């Protein structure tokens, strides 16, 4: 598995007083596994699968239900809500720019978007299908209108399978990128792209130490090979009111996936791109405002108390990380055959 590193990757130290760290912008194309090159046919199929709720046991939950691409790529709920109104244990992370992350899920338990796409469909709380075999045989193959789309994307033969299901969704998700934020334009030379307050916040973001974790083009840590995560302990400093107030230590983080003591309270560093759109914040959705999230992070990760002005300036800068969203149109899905109707309502 390799990472595509386009020549246009721009990594620059801004030639202004702002700079205490390296500021980078997103590459035009995200990292892509060798066995799943992006094609128009895959993206078309993947978009259909992403929006189709019939791949949940009740026919009511799609990928887009929790990762809404008409919004900030998640659902603005404290924790995700799946079939039969069941609530999960963690907040839904944004799908926008997830293609630039080297591992997926809050705990980094899956190495790629392809691997991630297989998980929710059989999670009993999320989409609730009995197994991948049931998904393929009673839904994918039963909805015969999908066959020409799979063949267009993957060729002839037995191409309707769970691996190709995941590859198509991942191909679509790699189109969900948001370039050209005010921050990005500023780093590339447009010194009017950020306001004076945002520039002040950018300086403080660097000088206070936020970039120690939130570095790189996605503000999610340094670039890593696909499958190798960048993790940090959260909270690092636990002797403060925020930890108990927001229940920050009730979830073991990566430990819940690996069962290794060393992984307790380790988390994949999340992207800050479009962070202004993805409230509530943190893995448990316990913090409702970006201002409070900045205060919590400063205290729990850096043991620093910020002034109101510091918080306002950093929040202004974070608002400058909102990029331009590619237009999304709802796909037309194949008709539902009687067997699938019966399977859903049983």
C-alpha atoms as a PDB file:
ATOM      1  CA  UNK A   1       0.000   0.000   0.000  1.00  0.00           C
ATOM      2  CA  UNK A   2       1.429   3.376  -0.902  1.00  0.00           C
ATOM      3  CA  UNK A   3       0.606   7.014  -0.460  1.00  0.00           C
ATOM      4  CA  UNK A   4       0.265   9.274  -3.464  1.00  0.00           C
ATOM      5  CA  UNK A   5       2.214  12.460  -2.846  1.00  0.00           C
ATOM      6  CA  UNK A   6       1.285  14.967  -5.523  1.00  0.00           C
ATOM      7  CA  UNK A   7       3.960  17.354  -6.628  1.00  0.00           C
ATOM      8  CA  UNK A   8       1.627  20.199  -5.866  1.00  0.00           C
ATOM      9  CA  UNK A   9       1.720  19.510  -2.134  1.00  0.00           C
ATOM     10  CA  UNK A  10       2.407  22.939  -0.691  1.00  0.00           C
ATOM     11  CA  UNK A  11       4.287  23.036   2.600  1.00  0.00           C
ATOM     12  CA  UNK A  12       5.461  26.508   3.390  1.00  0.00           C
ATOM     13  CA  UNK A  13       6.629  28.575   6.281  1.00  0.00           C
ATOM     14  CA  UNK A  14       4.621  31.750   5.860  1.00  0.00           C
ATOM     15  CA  UNK A  15       6.866  34.709   5.286  1.00  0.00           C
ATOM     16  CA  UNK A  16       5.221  36.878   7.923  1.00  0.00           C
ATOM     17  CA  UNK A  17       5.651  37.285  11.682  1.00  0.00           C
ATOM     18  CA  UNK A  18       2.918  34.634  12.112  1.00  0.00           C
ATOM     19  CA  UNK A  19       5.264  31.764  11.899  1.00  0.00           C
ATOM     20  CA  UNK A  20       6.443  29.532  14.632  1.00  0.00           C
ATOM     21  CA  UNK A  21       5.548  26.348  12.831  1.00  0.00           C
ATOM     22  CA  UNK A  22       5.159  24.960   9.355  1.00  0.00           C
ATOM     23  CA  UNK A  23       1.771  25.669   7.813  1.00  0.00           C
ATOM     24  CA  UNK A  24       0.566  23.280   5.137  1.00  0.00           C
ATOM     25  CA  UNK A  25      -2.401  23.029   2.803  1.00  0.00           C
ATOM     26  CA  UNK A  26      -4.202  19.937   1.535  1.00  0.00           C
ATOM     27  CA  UNK A  27      -2.872  18.105  -1.505  1.00  0.00           C
ATOM     28  CA  UNK A  28      -5.303  18.140  -4.427  1.00  0.00           C
ATOM     29  CA  UNK A  29      -5.729  14.358  -4.180  1.00  0.00           C
ATOM     30  CA  UNK A  30      -5.826  12.265  -1.012  1.00  0.00           C
ATOM     31  CA  UNK A  31      -3.816   9.105  -0.250  1.00  0.00           C
ATOM     32  CA  UNK A  32      -5.231   6.146  -2.189  1.00  0.00           C
ATOM     33  CA  UNK A  33      -4.516   2.409  -1.842  1.00  0.00           C
ATOM     34  CA  UNK A  34      -2.960   0.790  -4.906  1.00  0.00           C
ATOM     35  CA  UNK A  35      -5.776  -1.744  -5.150  1.00  0.00           C
ATOM     36  CA  UNK A  36      -8.543   0.849  -5.304  1.00  0.00           C
ATOM     37  CA  UNK A  37      -7.785   3.629  -7.785  1.00  0.00           C
ATOM     38  CA  UNK A  38     -10.545   6.216  -8.039  1.00  0.00           C
ATOM     39  CA  UNK A  39     -12.730   6.005 -11.148  1.00  0.00           C
ATOM     40  CA  UNK A  40     -15.906   7.842 -12.105  1.00  0.00           C
ATOM     41  CA  UNK A  41     -17.843   4.565 -12.137  1.00  0.00           C
ATOM     42  CA  UNK A  42     -16.737   3.675  -8.606  1.00  0.00           C
ATOM     43  CA  UNK A  43     -17.583   7.135  -7.337  1.00  0.00           C
ATOM     44  CA  UNK A  44     -21.037   6.989  -8.929  1.00  0.00           C
ATOM     45  CA  UNK A  45     -21.746   3.581  -7.374  1.00  0.00           C
ATOM     46  CA  UNK A  46     -20.216   4.548  -4.044  1.00  0.00           C
ATOM     47  CA  UNK A  47     -22.392   7.623  -3.778  1.00  0.00           C
ATOM     48  CA  UNK A  48     -25.498   5.508  -4.347  1.00  0.00           C
ATOM     49  CA  UNK A  49     -24.441   3.017  -1.682  1.00  0.00           C
ATOM     50  CA  UNK A  50     -23.541   5.833   0.731  1.00  0.00           C
ATOM     51  CA  UNK A  51     -27.038   7.327   0.545  1.00  0.00           C
ATOM     52  CA  UNK A  52     -29.001   4.061   0.424  1.00  0.00           C
ATOM     53  CA  UNK A  53     -30.715   3.215   3.763  1.00  0.00           C
ATOM     54  CA  UNK A  54     -31.659  -0.281   2.564  1.00  0.00           C
ATOM     55  CA  UNK A  55     -28.292  -1.582   3.748  1.00  0.00           C
ATOM     56  CA  UNK A  56     -29.481  -1.226   7.334  1.00  0.00           C
ATOM     57  CA  UNK A  57     -31.671  -3.851   8.961  1.00  0.00           C
ATOM     58  CA  UNK A  58     -34.656  -1.496   9.242  1.00  0.00           C
ATOM     59  CA  UNK A  59     -34.139   0.261   5.935  1.00  0.00           C
ATOM     60  CA  UNK A  60     -33.868   3.583   7.744  1.00  0.00           C
ATOM     61  CA  UNK A  61     -30.163   4.312   8.275  1.00  0.00           C
ATOM     62  CA  UNK A  62     -27.576   5.079   5.602  1.00  0.00           C
ATOM     63  CA  UNK A  63     -23.967   6.211   5.829  1.00  0.00           C
ATOM     64  CA  UNK A  64     -25.270   9.716   5.269  1.00  0.00           C
ATOM     65  CA  UNK A  65     -27.570   9.481   8.290  1.00  0.00           C
ATOM     66  CA  UNK A  66     -24.625   9.922  10.643  1.00  0.00           C
ATOM     67  CA  UNK A  67     -22.147  11.504   8.214  1.00  0.00           C
ATOM     68  CA  UNK A  68     -24.345  14.059   6.496  1.00  0.00           C
ATOM     69  CA  UNK A  69     -22.603  15.581   3.496  1.00  0.00           C
ATOM     70  CA  UNK A  70     -25.302  18.249   3.265  1.00  0.00           C
ATOM     71  CA  UNK A  71     -23.875  19.547   6.570  1.00  0.00           C
ATOM     72  CA  UNK A  72     -20.489  19.248   8.241  1.00  0.00           C
ATOM     73  CA  UNK A  73     -20.084  15.561   7.433  1.00  0.00           C
ATOM     74  CA  UNK A  74     -21.570  14.354  10.728  1.00  0.00           C
ATOM     75  CA  UNK A  75     -24.939  14.687  12.502  1.00  0.00           C
ATOM     76  CA  UNK A  76     -24.477  17.434  15.130  1.00  0.00           C
ATOM     77  CA  UNK A  77     -25.531  15.001  17.852  1.00  0.00           C
ATOM     78  CA  UNK A  78     -23.561  14.139  20.990  1.00  0.00           C
ATOM     79  CA  UNK A  79     -23.459  10.487  19.911  1.00  0.00           C
ATOM     80  CA  UNK A  80     -24.543   8.763  16.724  1.00  0.00           C
ATOM     81  CA  UNK A  81     -28.070   7.329  16.461  1.00  0.00           C
ATOM     82  CA  UNK A  82     -28.592   4.065  14.604  1.00  0.00           C
ATOM     83  CA  UNK A  83     -31.377   1.602  13.850  1.00  0.00           C
ATOM     84  CA  UNK A  84     -34.429   1.632  16.139  1.00  0.00           C
ATOM     85  CA  UNK A  85     -33.206   4.872  17.669  1.00  0.00           C
ATOM     86  CA  UNK A  86     -30.312   3.216  19.454  1.00  0.00           C
ATOM     87  CA  UNK A  87     -27.542   5.526  20.604  1.00  0.00           C
ATOM     88  CA  UNK A  88     -23.886   4.705  20.125  1.00  0.00           C
ATOM     89  CA  UNK A  89     -21.127   5.476  22.571  1.00  0.00           C
ATOM     90  CA  UNK A  90     -19.274   8.087  20.545  1.00  0.00           C
ATOM     91  CA  UNK A  91     -19.876  11.113  18.376  1.00  0.00           C
ATOM     92  CA  UNK A  92     -19.872  10.577  14.613  1.00  0.00           C
ATOM     93  CA  UNK A  93     -16.623  12.009  13.185  1.00  0.00           C
ATOM     94  CA  UNK A  94     -16.838  14.097  10.040  1.00  0.00           C
ATOM     95  CA  UNK A  95     -16.442  12.357   6.694  1.00  0.00           C
ATOM     96  CA  UNK A  96     -15.172  15.546   5.043  1.00  0.00           C
ATOM     97  CA  UNK A  97     -11.432  15.159   4.458  1.00  0.00           C
ATOM     98  CA  UNK A  98     -11.408  11.771   6.217  1.00  0.00           C
ATOM     99  CA  UNK A  99      -9.520  10.576   3.148  1.00  0.00           C
ATOM    100  CA  UNK A 100      -6.462  12.450   4.423  1.00  0.00           C
ATOM    101  CA  UNK A 101      -6.432  10.575   7.732  1.00  0.00           C
ATOM    102  CA  UNK A 102      -4.054   7.629   7.964  1.00  0.00           C
ATOM    103  CA  UNK A 103      -6.414   5.582  10.176  1.00  0.00           C
ATOM    104  CA  UNK A 104     -10.171   5.692  10.761  1.00  0.00           C
ATOM    105  CA  UNK A 105     -12.560   5.830  13.732  1.00  0.00           C
ATOM    106  CA  UNK A 106     -11.829   7.780  16.907  1.00  0.00           C
ATOM    107  CA  UNK A 107      -9.637   4.946  18.154  1.00  0.00           C
ATOM    108  CA  UNK A 108      -7.885   4.365  14.830  1.00  0.00           C
ATOM    109  CA  UNK A 109      -8.889   0.709  14.745  1.00  0.00           C
ATOM    110  CA  UNK A 110      -9.215   0.538  10.960  1.00  0.00           C
ATOM    111  CA  UNK A 111      -6.404   1.430   8.561  1.00  0.00           C
ATOM    112  CA  UNK A 112      -8.383   2.643   5.550  1.00  0.00           C
ATOM    113  CA  UNK A 113     -11.708   4.013   4.394  1.00  0.00           C
ATOM    114  CA  UNK A 114     -12.341   0.632   2.774  1.00  0.00           C
ATOM    115  CA  UNK A 115     -11.975  -1.194   6.087  1.00  0.00           C
ATOM    116  CA  UNK A 116     -14.039   1.434   7.877  1.00  0.00           C
ATOM    117  CA  UNK A 117     -16.937   1.115   5.424  1.00  0.00           C
ATOM    118  CA  UNK A 118     -17.475  -2.530   6.372  1.00  0.00           C
ATOM    119  CA  UNK A 119     -17.913  -1.909  10.084  1.00  0.00           C
ATOM    120  CA  UNK A 120     -21.116   0.104  10.593  1.00  0.00           C
ATOM    121  CA  UNK A 121     -23.331  -2.125   8.431  1.00  0.00           C
ATOM    122  CA  UNK A 122     -23.021  -5.059  10.853  1.00  0.00           C
ATOM    123  CA  UNK A 123     -22.772  -3.053  14.055  1.00  0.00           C
ATOM    124  CA  UNK A 124     -25.985  -3.919  15.967  1.00  0.00           C
ATOM    125  CA  UNK A 125     -26.453  -0.327  17.121  1.00  0.00           C
ATOM    126  CA  UNK A 126     -25.533   1.442  13.881  1.00  0.00           C
ATOM    127  CA  UNK A 127     -26.983  -0.293  10.780  1.00  0.00           C
ATOM    128  CA  UNK A 128     -27.754  -3.660  12.317  1.00  0.00           C
ATOM    129  CA  UNK A 129     -27.315  -6.145   9.457  1.00  0.00           C
ATOM    130  CA  UNK A 130     -26.755  -9.733  10.631  1.00  0.00           C
ATOM    131  CA  UNK A 131     -23.584 -10.248   8.607  1.00  0.00           C
ATOM    132  CA  UNK A 132     -21.778  -9.188   5.473  1.00  0.00           C
ATOM    133  CA  UNK A 133     -23.163 -12.281   3.750  1.00  0.00           C
ATOM    134  CA  UNK A 134     -26.721 -11.199   4.521  1.00  0.00           C
ATOM    135  CA  UNK A 135     -25.936  -7.701   3.303  1.00  0.00           C
ATOM    136  CA  UNK A 136     -24.614  -9.033  -0.008  1.00  0.00           C
ATOM    137  CA  UNK A 137     -27.175 -11.766  -0.670  1.00  0.00           C
ATOM    138  CA  UNK A 138     -30.411 -10.337   0.729  1.00  0.00           C
ATOM    139  CA  UNK A 139     -29.856  -6.702  -0.125  1.00  0.00           C
ATOM    140  CA  UNK A 140     -27.089  -5.953  -2.658  1.00  0.00           C
ATOM    141  CA  UNK A 141     -27.753  -8.856  -5.031  1.00  0.00           C
ATOM    142  CA  UNK A 142     -31.504  -8.769  -4.408  1.00  0.00           C
ATOM    143  CA  UNK A 143     -31.679  -5.148  -5.592  1.00  0.00           C
ATOM    144  CA  UNK A 144     -30.984  -6.171  -9.176  1.00  0.00           C
ATOM    145  CA  UNK A 145     -30.725  -2.600 -10.379  1.00  0.00           C
ATOM    146  CA  UNK A 146     -27.316  -2.401  -8.745  1.00  0.00           C
ATOM    147  CA  UNK A 147     -25.797  -5.077 -10.975  1.00  0.00           C
ATOM    148  CA  UNK A 148     -24.973  -2.862 -13.993  1.00  0.00           C
ATOM    149  CA  UNK A 149     -23.384  -0.278 -11.710  1.00  0.00           C
ATOM    150  CA  UNK A 150     -21.127  -2.880 -10.077  1.00  0.00           C
ATOM    151  CA  UNK A 151     -20.159  -4.248 -13.484  1.00  0.00           C
ATOM    152  CA  UNK A 152     -19.420  -0.770 -14.798  1.00  0.00           C
ATOM    153  CA  UNK A 153     -17.187  -0.110 -11.799  1.00  0.00           C
ATOM    154  CA  UNK A 154     -15.534  -3.525 -11.360  1.00  0.00           C
ATOM    155  CA  UNK A 155     -16.042  -5.534 -14.548  1.00  0.00           C
ATOM    156  CA  UNK A 156     -17.902  -8.783 -15.167  1.00  0.00           C
ATOM    157  CA  UNK A 157     -18.143 -11.874 -13.011  1.00  0.00           C
ATOM    158  CA  UNK A 158     -18.960 -12.156  -9.311  1.00  0.00           C
ATOM    159  CA  UNK A 159     -18.288  -8.488  -8.580  1.00  0.00           C
ATOM    160  CA  UNK A 160     -21.137  -7.876  -6.140  1.00  0.00           C
ATOM    161  CA  UNK A 161     -19.340  -8.568  -2.878  1.00  0.00           C
ATOM    162  CA  UNK A 162     -18.491  -6.854   0.389  1.00  0.00           C
ATOM    163  CA  UNK A 163     -15.007  -5.824  -0.728  1.00  0.00           C
ATOM    164  CA  UNK A 164     -16.293  -3.987  -3.784  1.00  0.00           C
ATOM    165  CA  UNK A 165     -19.121  -2.507  -1.737  1.00  0.00           C
ATOM    166  CA  UNK A 166     -16.501  -0.978   0.555  1.00  0.00           C
ATOM    167  CA  UNK A 167     -14.183   0.051  -2.283  1.00  0.00           C
ATOM    168  CA  UNK A 168     -16.961   1.971  -4.022  1.00  0.00           C
ATOM    169  CA  UNK A 169     -17.978   3.833  -0.866  1.00  0.00           C
ATOM    170  CA  UNK A 170     -14.331   4.670  -0.146  1.00  0.00           C
ATOM    171  CA  UNK A 171     -13.854   5.970  -3.688  1.00  0.00           C
ATOM    172  CA  UNK A 172     -16.812   8.318  -3.223  1.00  0.00           C
ATOM    173  CA  UNK A 173     -15.541   9.436   0.183  1.00  0.00           C
ATOM    174  CA  UNK A 174     -12.190  10.383  -1.381  1.00  0.00           C
ATOM    175  CA  UNK A 175     -14.058  13.039  -3.370  1.00  0.00           C
ATOM    176  CA  UNK A 176     -15.306  14.630  -0.135  1.00  0.00           C
ATOM    177  CA  UNK A 177     -12.544  17.158   0.309  1.00  0.00           C
ATOM    178  CA  UNK A 178     -12.794  20.860   1.114  1.00  0.00           C
ATOM    179  CA  UNK A 179      -9.920  22.907  -0.291  1.00  0.00           C
ATOM    180  CA  UNK A 180      -9.625  26.671  -0.646  1.00  0.00           C
ATOM    181  CA  UNK A 181     -10.362  27.735   2.922  1.00  0.00           C
ATOM    182  CA  UNK A 182      -9.401  31.285   3.940  1.00  0.00           C
ATOM    183  CA  UNK A 183      -6.488  29.711   5.810  1.00  0.00           C
ATOM    184  CA  UNK A 184      -5.372  27.832   2.705  1.00  0.00           C
ATOM    185  CA  UNK A 185      -5.508  30.958   0.557  1.00  0.00           C
ATOM    186  CA  UNK A 186      -3.528  32.858   3.180  1.00  0.00           C
ATOM    187  CA  UNK A 187      -0.777  30.235   3.308  1.00  0.00           C
ATOM    188  CA  UNK A 188      -0.582  30.275  -0.484  1.00  0.00           C
ATOM    189  CA  UNK A 189       0.053  34.014  -0.497  1.00  0.00           C
ATOM    190  CA  UNK A 190      -3.264  35.870  -0.252  1.00  0.00           C
ATOM    191  CA  UNK A 191      -2.530  37.958   2.829  1.00  0.00           C
ATOM    192  CA  UNK A 192      -6.086  39.358   2.829  1.00  0.00           C
ATOM    193  CA  UNK A 193      -7.731  35.939   3.056  1.00  0.00           C
ATOM    194  CA  UNK A 194      -7.664  35.999   6.880  1.00  0.00           C
ATOM    195  CA  UNK A 195      -8.841  38.848   9.073  1.00  0.00           C
ATOM    196  CA  UNK A 196      -6.528  40.553  11.537  1.00  0.00           C
ATOM    197  CA  UNK A 197      -8.171  38.638  14.375  1.00  0.00           C
ATOM    198  CA  UNK A 198      -7.755  35.337  12.540  1.00  0.00           C
ATOM    199  CA  UNK A 199      -4.064  36.069  11.973  1.00  0.00           C
ATOM    200  CA  UNK A 200      -3.727  36.875  15.678  1.00  0.00           C
ATOM    201  CA  UNK A 201      -5.447  33.574  16.443  1.00  0.00           C
ATOM    202  CA  UNK A 202      -3.115  31.761  14.076  1.00  0.00           C
ATOM    203  CA  UNK A 203      -0.119  33.153  15.981  1.00  0.00           C
ATOM    204  CA  UNK A 204      -1.614  32.130  19.306  1.00  0.00           C
ATOM    205  CA  UNK A 205      -2.517  28.665  17.987  1.00  0.00           C
ATOM    206  CA  UNK A 206       1.187  28.196  17.249  1.00  0.00           C
ATOM    207  CA  UNK A 207       2.692  29.899  20.299  1.00  0.00           C
ATOM    208  CA  UNK A 208       0.363  28.263  22.841  1.00  0.00           C
ATOM    209  CA  UNK A 209       1.233  24.833  21.458  1.00  0.00           C
ATOM    210  CA  UNK A 210      -1.934  23.651  19.682  1.00  0.00           C
ATOM    211  CA  UNK A 211       0.142  22.636  16.673  1.00  0.00           C
ATOM    212  CA  UNK A 212       1.987  20.060  18.727  1.00  0.00           C
ATOM    213  CA  UNK A 213      -0.889  17.709  17.933  1.00  0.00           C
ATOM    214  CA  UNK A 214      -2.906  19.506  15.277  1.00  0.00           C
ATOM    215  CA  UNK A 215      -0.208  19.861  12.648  1.00  0.00           C
ATOM    216  CA  UNK A 216      -0.031  18.858   8.994  1.00  0.00           C
ATOM    217  CA  UNK A 217      -2.301  19.773   6.093  1.00  0.00           C
ATOM    218  CA  UNK A 218      -5.429  18.369   7.789  1.00  0.00           C
ATOM    219  CA  UNK A 219      -4.513  19.686  11.254  1.00  0.00           C
ATOM    220  CA  UNK A 220      -4.635  16.030  12.364  1.00  0.00           C
ATOM    221  CA  UNK A 221      -0.937  15.418  12.931  1.00  0.00           C
ATOM    222  CA  UNK A 222       2.047  14.795  10.677  1.00  0.00           C
ATOM    223  CA  UNK A 223       1.595  12.839   7.477  1.00  0.00           C
ATOM    224  CA  UNK A 224       1.668   9.075   8.088  1.00  0.00           C
ATOM    225  CA  UNK A 225       1.487   6.012   5.823  1.00  0.00           C
ATOM    226  CA  UNK A 226      -1.989   4.547   5.472  1.00  0.00           C
ATOM    227  CA  UNK A 227      -2.617   2.291   8.438  1.00  0.00           C
ATOM    228  CA  UNK A 228      -0.251   4.065  10.826  1.00  0.00           C
ATOM    229  CA  UNK A 229      -2.094   6.371  13.174  1.00  0.00           C
ATOM    230  CA  UNK A 230      -1.082   9.517  14.987  1.00  0.00           C
ATOM    231  CA  UNK A 231      -2.398   9.196  18.536  1.00  0.00           C
ATOM    232  CA  UNK A 232      -2.321  11.409  21.595  1.00  0.00           C
ATOM    233  CA  UNK A 233      -3.457  10.923  25.171  1.00  0.00           C
ATOM    234  CA  UNK A 234      -6.627  12.812  26.066  1.00  0.00           C
ATOM    235  CA  UNK A 235      -6.846  14.146  28.658  1.00  0.00           C
ATOM    236  CA  UNK A 236      -3.142  14.563  29.348  1.00  0.00           C
ATOM    237  CA  UNK A 237      -3.705  16.704  32.448  1.00  0.00           C
ATOM    238  CA  UNK A 238      -6.622  15.272  34.394  1.00  0.00           C
ATOM    239  CA  UNK A 239      -6.513  17.319  37.600  1.00  0.00           C
ATOM    240  CA  UNK A 240      -9.012  19.955  36.500  1.00  0.00           C
ATOM    241  CA  UNK A 241     -12.757  20.543  36.528  1.00  0.00           C
ATOM    242  CA  UNK A 242     -13.231  19.849  32.833  1.00  0.00           C
ATOM    243  CA  UNK A 243     -12.371  16.163  33.091  1.00  0.00           C
ATOM    244  CA  UNK A 244     -15.219  15.358  35.459  1.00  0.00           C
ATOM    245  CA  UNK A 245     -17.630  17.931  34.068  1.00  0.00           C
ATOM    246  CA  UNK A 246     -17.424  16.493  30.562  1.00  0.00           C
ATOM    247  CA  UNK A 247     -16.744  12.864  31.557  1.00  0.00           C
ATOM    248  CA  UNK A 248     -13.555  12.778  29.515  1.00  0.00           C
ATOM    249  CA  UNK A 249     -12.088   9.646  31.105  1.00  0.00           C
ATOM    250  CA  UNK A 250     -15.118   7.372  31.028  1.00  0.00           C
ATOM    251  CA  UNK A 251     -14.139   6.040  27.591  1.00  0.00           C
ATOM    252  CA  UNK A 252     -10.813   4.208  27.364  1.00  0.00           C
ATOM    253  CA  UNK A 253     -10.198   5.341  23.786  1.00  0.00           C
ATOM    254  CA  UNK A 254      -7.895   3.112  21.754  1.00  0.00           C
ATOM    255  CA  UNK A 255      -7.729   0.694  24.683  1.00  0.00           C
ATOM    256  CA  UNK A 256     -11.317  -0.371  23.928  1.00  0.00           C
ATOM    257  CA  UNK A 257     -10.098  -1.716  20.571  1.00  0.00           C
ATOM    258  CA  UNK A 258      -6.679  -3.113  21.495  1.00  0.00           C
ATOM    259  CA  UNK A 259      -7.087  -3.963  25.222  1.00  0.00           C
ATOM    260  CA  UNK A 260      -3.505  -2.797  25.746  1.00  0.00           C
ATOM    261  CA  UNK A 261      -2.900  -0.824  28.935  1.00  0.00           C
ATOM    262  CA  UNK A 262      -0.554   1.513  27.073  1.00  0.00           C
ATOM    263  CA  UNK A 263      -3.439   2.538  24.822  1.00  0.00           C
ATOM    264  CA  UNK A 264      -5.723   3.799  27.583  1.00  0.00           C
ATOM    265  CA  UNK A 265      -7.132   7.212  26.716  1.00  0.00           C
ATOM    266  CA  UNK A 266      -5.205   7.383  23.459  1.00  0.00           C
ATOM    267  CA  UNK A 267      -7.164   8.878  20.549  1.00  0.00           C
ATOM    268  CA  UNK A 268      -6.519   9.482  16.891  1.00  0.00           C
ATOM    269  CA  UNK A 269      -5.949  13.209  16.611  1.00  0.00           C
ATOM    270  CA  UNK A 270      -9.024  14.534  14.776  1.00  0.00           C
ATOM    271  CA  UNK A 271      -8.887  17.007  11.917  1.00  0.00           C
ATOM    272  CA  UNK A 272      -9.662  20.639  12.658  1.00  0.00           C
ATOM    273  CA  UNK A 273     -10.754  21.383   9.102  1.00  0.00           C
ATOM    274  CA  UNK A 274     -14.363  22.648   9.115  1.00  0.00           C
ATOM    275  CA  UNK A 275     -14.348  22.355  12.914  1.00  0.00           C
ATOM    276  CA  UNK A 276     -16.737  25.307  13.200  1.00  0.00           C
ATOM    277  CA  UNK A 277     -19.461  23.150  11.606  1.00  0.00           C
ATOM    278  CA  UNK A 278     -19.159  19.995  13.673  1.00  0.00           C
ATOM    279  CA  UNK A 279     -20.454  20.788  17.165  1.00  0.00           C
ATOM    280  CA  UNK A 280     -20.845  19.237  19.680  1.00  0.00           C
ATOM    281  CA  UNK A 281     -17.214  18.403  20.315  1.00  0.00           C
ATOM    282  CA  UNK A 282     -14.984  15.534  21.462  1.00  0.00           C
ATOM    283  CA  UNK A 283     -15.496  11.802  21.248  1.00  0.00           C
ATOM    284  CA  UNK A 284     -18.548  11.949  23.496  1.00  0.00           C
ATOM    285  CA  UNK A 285     -20.059  15.144  22.120  1.00  0.00           C
ATOM    286  CA  UNK A 286     -20.030  16.649  25.596  1.00  0.00           C
ATOM    287  CA  UNK A 287     -19.002  20.203  24.714  1.00  0.00           C
ATOM    288  CA  UNK A 288     -21.471  22.309  22.791  1.00  0.00           C
ATOM    289  CA  UNK A 289     -19.441  25.326  21.690  1.00  0.00           C
ATOM    290  CA  UNK A 290     -16.113  25.801  19.974  1.00  0.00           C
ATOM    291  CA  UNK A 291     -15.134  28.435  22.530  1.00  0.00           C
ATOM    292  CA  UNK A 292     -15.531  25.951  25.367  1.00  0.00           C
ATOM    293  CA  UNK A 293     -13.739  23.248  23.389  1.00  0.00           C
ATOM    294  CA  UNK A 294     -10.720  25.536  23.001  1.00  0.00           C
ATOM    295  CA  UNK A 295     -10.654  26.192  26.757  1.00  0.00           C
ATOM    296  CA  UNK A 296     -10.947  22.481  27.516  1.00  0.00           C
ATOM    297  CA  UNK A 297      -8.146  21.548  25.147  1.00  0.00           C
ATOM    298  CA  UNK A 298      -5.812  24.232  26.483  1.00  0.00           C
ATOM    299  CA  UNK A 299      -6.310  23.037  30.052  1.00  0.00           C
ATOM    300  CA  UNK A 300      -6.413  19.280  29.550  1.00  0.00           C
ATOM    301  CA  UNK A 301      -3.634  19.046  26.958  1.00  0.00           C
ATOM    302  CA  UNK A 302      -1.352  21.976  27.734  1.00  0.00           C
ATOM    303  CA  UNK A 303      -2.325  22.814  31.328  1.00  0.00           C
ATOM    304  CA  UNK A 304      -2.963  26.410  30.311  1.00  0.00           C
ATOM    305  CA  UNK A 305      -5.766  28.796  31.199  1.00  0.00           C
ATOM    306  CA  UNK A 306      -6.632  31.059  28.300  1.00  0.00           C
ATOM    307  CA  UNK A 307      -7.979  34.580  28.476  1.00  0.00           C
ATOM    308  CA  UNK A 308     -11.255  35.462  26.813  1.00  0.00           C
ATOM    309  CA  UNK A 309      -9.285  37.290  24.126  1.00  0.00           C
ATOM    310  CA  UNK A 310      -7.060  34.278  23.480  1.00  0.00           C
ATOM    311  CA  UNK A 311     -10.108  32.072  23.075  1.00  0.00           C
ATOM    312  CA  UNK A 312     -11.868  34.545  20.777  1.00  0.00           C
ATOM    313  CA  UNK A 313      -8.794  34.892  18.566  1.00  0.00           C
ATOM    314  CA  UNK A 314      -8.177  31.142  18.280  1.00  0.00           C
ATOM    315  CA  UNK A 315     -11.852  30.496  17.516  1.00  0.00           C
ATOM    316  CA  UNK A 316     -11.700  33.165  14.813  1.00  0.00           C
ATOM    317  CA  UNK A 317      -8.714  31.350  13.300  1.00  0.00           C
ATOM    318  CA  UNK A 318     -10.491  27.993  13.479  1.00  0.00           C
ATOM    319  CA  UNK A 319     -13.396  29.505  11.569  1.00  0.00           C
ATOM    320  CA  UNK A 320     -10.873  30.251   8.836  1.00  0.00           C
ATOM    321  CA  UNK A 321     -10.343  26.505   8.372  1.00  0.00           C
ATOM    322  CA  UNK A 322     -13.755  26.050   6.743  1.00  0.00           C
ATOM    323  CA  UNK A 323     -13.190  25.131   3.106  1.00  0.00           C
ATOM    324  CA  UNK A 324     -15.298  25.062  -0.033  1.00  0.00           C
ATOM    325  CA  UNK A 325     -17.631  22.101  -0.279  1.00  0.00           C
ATOM    326  CA  UNK A 326     -18.186  20.301  -3.591  1.00  0.00           C
ATOM    327  CA  UNK A 327     -21.852  20.381  -4.561  1.00  0.00           C
ATOM    328  CA  UNK A 328     -23.739  17.255  -3.529  1.00  0.00           C
ATOM    329  CA  UNK A 329     -26.834  16.030  -5.344  1.00  0.00           C
ATOM    330  CA  UNK A 330     -28.995  13.157  -4.207  1.00  0.00           C
ATOM    331  CA  UNK A 331     -28.457  10.008  -6.300  1.00  0.00           C
ATOM    332  CA  UNK A 332     -31.310   8.108  -7.942  1.00  0.00           C
ATOM    333  CA  UNK A 333     -31.398   4.630  -6.391  1.00  0.00           C
ATOM    334  CA  UNK A 334     -32.522   1.324  -7.979  1.00  0.00           C
ATOM    335  CA  UNK A 335     -36.067   0.165  -7.248  1.00  0.00           C
ATOM    336  CA  UNK A 336     -36.807  -1.953  -4.186  1.00  0.00           C
ATOM    337  CA  UNK A 337     -37.916  -5.510  -5.095  1.00  0.00           C
ATOM    338  CA  UNK A 338     -40.615  -7.309  -3.031  1.00  0.00           C
ATOM    339  CA  UNK A 339     -38.049  -9.608  -1.371  1.00  0.00           C
ATOM    340  CA  UNK A 340     -36.179  -6.622   0.082  1.00  0.00           C
ATOM    341  CA  UNK A 341     -39.409  -4.989   1.211  1.00  0.00           C
ATOM    342  CA  UNK A 342     -40.299  -8.208   3.032  1.00  0.00           C
ATOM    343  CA  UNK A 343     -36.818  -8.467   4.556  1.00  0.00           C
ATOM    344  CA  UNK A 344     -37.018  -4.923   5.882  1.00  0.00           C
ATOM    345  CA  UNK A 345     -40.501  -5.142   7.397  1.00  0.00           C
ATOM    346  CA  UNK A 346     -40.168  -8.622   8.912  1.00  0.00           C
END
